[in-house]
Structures are given as structure tokens and as C-alpha cells.
Amino acid sequence: MGNRNAHDPAHDDVGRLINMISHQLKRQMCFHEEESGLTNMQKRVLHHILFQSLRKDIYQKDIEKEFQIRRSTATGILQLLEKNGFVVRKSVEWDARLKKIVPTEKAEGVREEILSNIRYMEKILKQGISKQDMETCRKVLEQMSENLSGNEKKSKGEEITDHE
């Protein structure tokens, strides 16, 4: 019963573990939501917009790619950020259909809160884990994400190409 050497299929369920950690992260970040009215995912997207927009124009497709989310999910997040006054969408001169996403002064005002929240959660996540183990973990998680991306493309009937 207490034999840890016996093979337990539940210990191989990596998806379950990732899902559990994701839910724990969401729960623990929720108590900070009242300050800005943003969920964890909205904060992460806003953080990305705030910092990437300093270097280049940001579009919805960039958000979809960065967070590996569907167009409808990105649309929902961006609509809420816009409704709450954190971003505006501005047409670009060369294509009226294309809208760049621009952070507002209100977004700039919560930049430090978002950063400190992310730093705090990252510190908790990494407690007691060596740099080498963290690097291995990051590589494994990135490979898992790529595996899932490749599987999505297969299921949609798209051709899968090797990374360039």
C-alpha cells in the first residue's frame, strides 16, 4: 500500500498535474484581482502588450501566438481589456481592417502591480528548485507545448513542418 516503488499510472498523468498547477495559480492570483479588476490571464496579456508595444506594434495575432490561444479567446480578453479602459485598438494606415493594440495611461498605471504580482508568483513557484532543474522543467514544458501544437495541426489536417 505505501510502496512508492510500485508503478502507479496516476503518477504518469502529466496533464493532470499541469492542470492542477494551473488551477492553483489561478486561485492564488485571484485575491489580487480587486486592485485592477483583471484576471490572471488578462494581466499576463496586458503585461505582454505593455512591454512588447515599447518595441513594436502589437496585433491580436501576436497575442494568439504568444499565449497559444484561439482567436475567440484572444478576442474576448482584448474586448474586456478595451471595455475596462486598459487598451485601445487603432486602425493602421495601410489596412483599415487591421487594428494595433495600444495600452492606455490606465494600463501604464497598473504596470508595476502586474510585474510585482508575476514576480511574486514566480518566486513561489521556483522555491526549493535548483536552476538546473528549472531549466530542465522549462525545456520539457516547452517540448510538451510543441507536441500539443503539432497534434492540433495534425487534427486540423494541416501539414506539419520541422522548425526552421
C-alpha atoms as a PDB file:
ATOM      1  CA  MET A   1       0.000   0.000   0.000  1.00  0.00           C
ATOM      2  CA  GLY A   2       2.705   2.512   0.936  1.00  0.00           C
ATOM      3  CA  ASN A   3       5.234   1.089  -1.538  1.00  0.00           C
ATOM      4  CA  ARG A   4       6.459   4.047  -3.572  1.00  0.00           C
ATOM      5  CA  ASN A   5       8.368   1.769  -5.948  1.00  0.00           C
ATOM      6  CA  ALA A   6       5.192   0.154  -7.274  1.00  0.00           C
ATOM      7  CA  HIS A   7       4.150   1.621 -10.633  1.00  0.00           C
ATOM      8  CA  ASP A   8       1.182   3.925 -10.230  1.00  0.00           C
ATOM      9  CA  PRO A   9      -0.327   5.126 -13.528  1.00  0.00           C
ATOM     10  CA  ALA A  10      -1.686   8.254 -11.805  1.00  0.00           C
ATOM     11  CA  HIS A  11       1.929   9.430 -11.315  1.00  0.00           C
ATOM     12  CA  ASP A  12       2.405   9.371 -15.099  1.00  0.00           C
ATOM     13  CA  ASP A  13      -0.551  11.684 -15.678  1.00  0.00           C
ATOM     14  CA  VAL A  14       1.426  14.830 -16.534  1.00  0.00           C
ATOM     15  CA  GLY A  15      -1.620  16.583 -17.999  1.00  0.00           C
ATOM     16  CA  ARG A  16      -3.475  16.202 -14.701  1.00  0.00           C
ATOM     17  CA  LEU A  17      -0.512  17.669 -12.802  1.00  0.00           C
ATOM     18  CA  ILE A  18      -0.183  20.628 -15.200  1.00  0.00           C
ATOM     19  CA  ASN A  19      -3.930  21.250 -14.943  1.00  0.00           C
ATOM     20  CA  MET A  20      -3.767  21.107 -11.137  1.00  0.00           C
ATOM     21  CA  ILE A  21      -0.878  23.621 -11.034  1.00  0.00           C
ATOM     22  CA  SER A  22      -2.760  25.888 -13.440  1.00  0.00           C
ATOM     23  CA  HIS A  23      -5.819  25.888 -11.173  1.00  0.00           C
ATOM     24  CA  GLN A  24      -3.660  26.546  -8.095  1.00  0.00           C
ATOM     25  CA  LEU A  25      -2.040  29.516  -9.858  1.00  0.00           C
ATOM     26  CA  LYS A  26      -5.427  30.928 -10.842  1.00  0.00           C
ATOM     27  CA  ARG A  27      -6.804  30.566  -7.303  1.00  0.00           C
ATOM     28  CA  GLN A  28      -3.789  32.170  -5.656  1.00  0.00           C
ATOM     29  CA  MET A  29      -3.689  35.120  -8.031  1.00  0.00           C
ATOM     30  CA  CYS A  30      -7.425  35.788  -7.680  1.00  0.00           C
ATOM     31  CA  PHE A  31      -7.082  37.637  -4.372  1.00  0.00           C
ATOM     32  CA  HIS A  32      -5.149  40.392  -6.173  1.00  0.00           C
ATOM     33  CA  GLU A  33      -7.843  40.907  -8.837  1.00  0.00           C
ATOM     34  CA  GLU A  34      -9.798  43.582  -6.964  1.00  0.00           C
ATOM     35  CA  GLU A  35      -6.931  46.082  -7.337  1.00  0.00           C
ATOM     36  CA  SER A  36      -7.190  46.327 -11.118  1.00  0.00           C
ATOM     37  CA  GLY A  37     -10.284  44.235 -11.848  1.00  0.00           C
ATOM     38  CA  LEU A  38      -8.221  41.945 -14.090  1.00  0.00           C
ATOM     39  CA  THR A  39      -7.936  38.171 -14.065  1.00  0.00           C
ATOM     40  CA  ASN A  40      -4.529  36.492 -14.141  1.00  0.00           C
ATOM     41  CA  MET A  41      -4.770  35.809 -17.881  1.00  0.00           C
ATOM     42  CA  GLN A  42      -5.831  39.389 -18.620  1.00  0.00           C
ATOM     43  CA  LYS A  43      -2.875  40.616 -16.539  1.00  0.00           C
ATOM     44  CA  ARG A  44      -0.470  38.392 -18.465  1.00  0.00           C
ATOM     45  CA  VAL A  45      -1.837  39.595 -21.802  1.00  0.00           C
ATOM     46  CA  LEU A  46      -1.710  43.225 -20.650  1.00  0.00           C
ATOM     47  CA  HIS A  47       1.846  42.718 -19.384  1.00  0.00           C
ATOM     48  CA  HIS A  48       2.814  41.358 -22.809  1.00  0.00           C
ATOM     49  CA  ILE A  49       1.142  44.307 -24.573  1.00  0.00           C
ATOM     50  CA  LEU A  50       2.756  46.863 -22.244  1.00  0.00           C
ATOM     51  CA  PHE A  51       6.269  45.593 -22.834  1.00  0.00           C
ATOM     52  CA  GLN A  52       6.118  44.469 -26.455  1.00  0.00           C
ATOM     53  CA  SER A  53       4.440  47.700 -27.577  1.00  0.00           C
ATOM     54  CA  LEU A  54       7.539  49.602 -26.446  1.00  0.00           C
ATOM     55  CA  ARG A  55       9.457  47.867 -29.261  1.00  0.00           C
ATOM     56  CA  LYS A  56       6.878  47.200 -31.976  1.00  0.00           C
ATOM     57  CA  ASP A  57       3.222  47.334 -32.924  1.00  0.00           C
ATOM     58  CA  ILE A  58       1.129  44.563 -31.361  1.00  0.00           C
ATOM     59  CA  TYR A  59      -1.807  42.886 -33.083  1.00  0.00           C
ATOM     60  CA  GLN A  60      -4.305  40.263 -31.964  1.00  0.00           C
ATOM     61  CA  LYS A  61      -2.483  37.538 -33.925  1.00  0.00           C
ATOM     62  CA  ASP A  62       0.612  38.258 -31.789  1.00  0.00           C
ATOM     63  CA  ILE A  63      -1.421  37.612 -28.625  1.00  0.00           C
ATOM     64  CA  GLU A  64      -2.860  34.378 -30.090  1.00  0.00           C
ATOM     65  CA  LYS A  65       0.629  33.131 -30.939  1.00  0.00           C
ATOM     66  CA  GLU A  66       2.319  34.197 -27.688  1.00  0.00           C
ATOM     67  CA  PHE A  67      -0.299  32.585 -25.438  1.00  0.00           C
ATOM     68  CA  GLN A  68      -1.243  29.706 -27.757  1.00  0.00           C
ATOM     69  CA  ILE A  69      -4.910  30.672 -27.580  1.00  0.00           C
ATOM     70  CA  ARG A  70      -7.705  30.613 -30.134  1.00  0.00           C
ATOM     71  CA  ARG A  71      -8.837  33.751 -31.931  1.00  0.00           C
ATOM     72  CA  SER A  72     -12.142  33.743 -30.000  1.00  0.00           C
ATOM     73  CA  THR A  73     -10.323  33.569 -26.647  1.00  0.00           C
ATOM     74  CA  ALA A  74      -7.971  36.406 -27.611  1.00  0.00           C
ATOM     75  CA  THR A  75     -10.926  38.469 -28.866  1.00  0.00           C
ATOM     76  CA  GLY A  76     -12.721  38.032 -25.529  1.00  0.00           C
ATOM     77  CA  ILE A  77      -9.672  39.029 -23.483  1.00  0.00           C
ATOM     78  CA  LEU A  78      -8.940  42.062 -25.670  1.00  0.00           C
ATOM     79  CA  GLN A  79     -12.572  43.187 -25.661  1.00  0.00           C
ATOM     80  CA  LEU A  80     -12.602  43.128 -21.842  1.00  0.00           C
ATOM     81  CA  LEU A  81      -9.272  44.981 -21.657  1.00  0.00           C
ATOM     82  CA  GLU A  82     -10.689  47.579 -24.042  1.00  0.00           C
ATOM     83  CA  LYS A  83     -14.030  47.825 -22.196  1.00  0.00           C
ATOM     84  CA  ASN A  84     -12.164  48.335 -18.908  1.00  0.00           C
ATOM     85  CA  GLY A  85     -10.031  51.090 -20.437  1.00  0.00           C
ATOM     86  CA  PHE A  86      -6.659  49.306 -20.467  1.00  0.00           C
ATOM     87  CA  VAL A  87      -6.158  49.188 -24.247  1.00  0.00           C
ATOM     88  CA  VAL A  88      -7.480  50.815 -27.389  1.00  0.00           C
ATOM     89  CA  ARG A  89      -7.482  49.381 -30.890  1.00  0.00           C
ATOM     90  CA  LYS A  90      -6.243  51.731 -33.586  1.00  0.00           C
ATOM     91  CA  SER A  91      -6.505  51.221 -37.326  1.00  0.00           C
ATOM     92  CA  VAL A  92      -3.249  51.160 -39.234  1.00  0.00           C
ATOM     93  CA  GLU A  93      -2.856  53.359 -42.307  1.00  0.00           C
ATOM     94  CA  TRP A  94      -2.051  50.528 -44.710  1.00  0.00           C
ATOM     95  CA  ASP A  95      -5.010  48.245 -43.794  1.00  0.00           C
ATOM     96  CA  ALA A  96      -8.212  49.595 -42.239  1.00  0.00           C
ATOM     97  CA  ARG A  97      -9.239  46.057 -41.181  1.00  0.00           C
ATOM     98  CA  LEU A  98      -6.089  45.605 -39.112  1.00  0.00           C
ATOM     99  CA  LYS A  99      -6.070  47.127 -35.631  1.00  0.00           C
ATOM    100  CA  LYS A 100      -2.994  47.554 -33.498  1.00  0.00           C
ATOM    101  CA  ILE A 101      -3.424  47.212 -29.751  1.00  0.00           C
ATOM    102  CA  VAL A 102      -2.199  50.188 -27.748  1.00  0.00           C
ATOM    103  CA  PRO A 103      -2.015  50.365 -23.921  1.00  0.00           C
ATOM    104  CA  THR A 104      -3.692  53.368 -22.287  1.00  0.00           C
ATOM    105  CA  GLU A 105      -2.487  55.534 -19.391  1.00  0.00           C
ATOM    106  CA  LYS A 106      -4.672  53.380 -17.126  1.00  0.00           C
ATOM    107  CA  ALA A 107      -2.677  50.317 -18.257  1.00  0.00           C
ATOM    108  CA  GLU A 108       0.589  52.113 -17.578  1.00  0.00           C
ATOM    109  CA  GLY A 109      -0.737  52.779 -14.063  1.00  0.00           C
ATOM    110  CA  VAL A 110      -1.053  49.063 -13.240  1.00  0.00           C
ATOM    111  CA  ARG A 111       2.213  48.018 -14.912  1.00  0.00           C
ATOM    112  CA  GLU A 112       4.142  47.789 -11.624  1.00  0.00           C
ATOM    113  CA  GLU A 113       1.316  45.927  -9.857  1.00  0.00           C
ATOM    114  CA  ILE A 114       1.226  43.352 -12.661  1.00  0.00           C
ATOM    115  CA  LEU A 115       5.013  42.987 -12.640  1.00  0.00           C
ATOM    116  CA  SER A 116       5.245  42.554  -8.881  1.00  0.00           C
ATOM    117  CA  ASN A 117       2.363  40.043  -8.938  1.00  0.00           C
ATOM    118  CA  ILE A 118       4.091  37.961 -11.635  1.00  0.00           C
ATOM    119  CA  ARG A 119       7.476  38.172  -9.813  1.00  0.00           C
ATOM    120  CA  TYR A 120       5.811  37.088  -6.551  1.00  0.00           C
ATOM    121  CA  MET A 121       4.112  34.055  -8.123  1.00  0.00           C
ATOM    122  CA  GLU A 122       7.286  33.075  -9.999  1.00  0.00           C
ATOM    123  CA  LYS A 123       9.228  33.227  -6.706  1.00  0.00           C
ATOM    124  CA  ILE A 124       6.697  30.922  -5.034  1.00  0.00           C
ATOM    125  CA  LEU A 125       6.697  28.519  -7.996  1.00  0.00           C
ATOM    126  CA  LYS A 126      10.508  28.226  -8.015  1.00  0.00           C
ATOM    127  CA  GLN A 127      11.020  27.782  -4.236  1.00  0.00           C
ATOM    128  CA  GLY A 128      13.369  24.902  -3.432  1.00  0.00           C
ATOM    129  CA  ILE A 129      14.078  24.101  -7.098  1.00  0.00           C
ATOM    130  CA  SER A 130      17.618  24.310  -8.437  1.00  0.00           C
ATOM    131  CA  LYS A 131      18.418  26.410 -11.519  1.00  0.00           C
ATOM    132  CA  GLN A 132      19.337  23.226 -13.383  1.00  0.00           C
ATOM    133  CA  ASP A 133      16.019  21.552 -12.522  1.00  0.00           C
ATOM    134  CA  MET A 134      14.141  24.735 -13.514  1.00  0.00           C
ATOM    135  CA  GLU A 135      15.894  24.777 -16.880  1.00  0.00           C
ATOM    136  CA  THR A 136      15.060  21.100 -17.434  1.00  0.00           C
ATOM    137  CA  CYS A 137      11.448  21.745 -16.423  1.00  0.00           C
ATOM    138  CA  ARG A 138      11.195  24.715 -18.799  1.00  0.00           C
ATOM    139  CA  LYS A 139      12.625  22.678 -21.703  1.00  0.00           C
ATOM    140  CA  VAL A 140      10.256  19.773 -21.020  1.00  0.00           C
ATOM    141  CA  LEU A 141       7.202  22.056 -20.761  1.00  0.00           C
ATOM    142  CA  GLU A 142       8.177  23.858 -23.983  1.00  0.00           C
ATOM    143  CA  GLN A 143       8.534  20.494 -25.755  1.00  0.00           C
ATOM    144  CA  MET A 144       5.136  19.380 -24.429  1.00  0.00           C
ATOM    145  CA  SER A 145       3.602  22.596 -25.748  1.00  0.00           C
ATOM    146  CA  GLU A 146       5.206  21.999 -29.148  1.00  0.00           C
ATOM    147  CA  ASN A 147       3.953  18.396 -29.135  1.00  0.00           C
ATOM    148  CA  LEU A 148       0.417  19.611 -28.470  1.00  0.00           C
ATOM    149  CA  SER A 149       0.704  22.320 -31.153  1.00  0.00           C
ATOM    150  CA  GLY A 150       1.827  19.688 -33.652  1.00  0.00           C
ATOM    151  CA  ASN A 151      -1.066  17.447 -32.656  1.00  0.00           C
ATOM    152  CA  GLU A 152      -3.557  20.315 -33.148  1.00  0.00           C
ATOM    153  CA  LYS A 153      -2.209  20.890 -36.664  1.00  0.00           C
ATOM    154  CA  LYS A 154      -2.492  17.174 -37.457  1.00  0.00           C
ATOM    155  CA  SER A 155      -6.084  17.049 -36.248  1.00  0.00           C
ATOM    156  CA  LYS A 156      -6.940  20.060 -38.417  1.00  0.00           C
ATOM    157  CA  GLY A 157      -5.381  18.323 -41.421  1.00  0.00           C
ATOM    158  CA  GLU A 158      -2.632  20.918 -41.734  1.00  0.00           C
ATOM    159  CA  GLU A 159       0.804  19.913 -42.860  1.00  0.00           C
ATOM    160  CA  ILE A 160       3.380  19.822 -40.096  1.00  0.00           C
ATOM    161  CA  THR A 161       6.825  21.118 -40.936  1.00  0.00           C
ATOM    162  CA  ASP A 162      10.056  20.920 -38.990  1.00  0.00           C
ATOM    163  CA  HIS A 163      11.142  24.015 -37.069  1.00  0.00           C
ATOM    164  CA  GLU A 164      13.348  26.314 -39.101  1.00  0.00           C
END
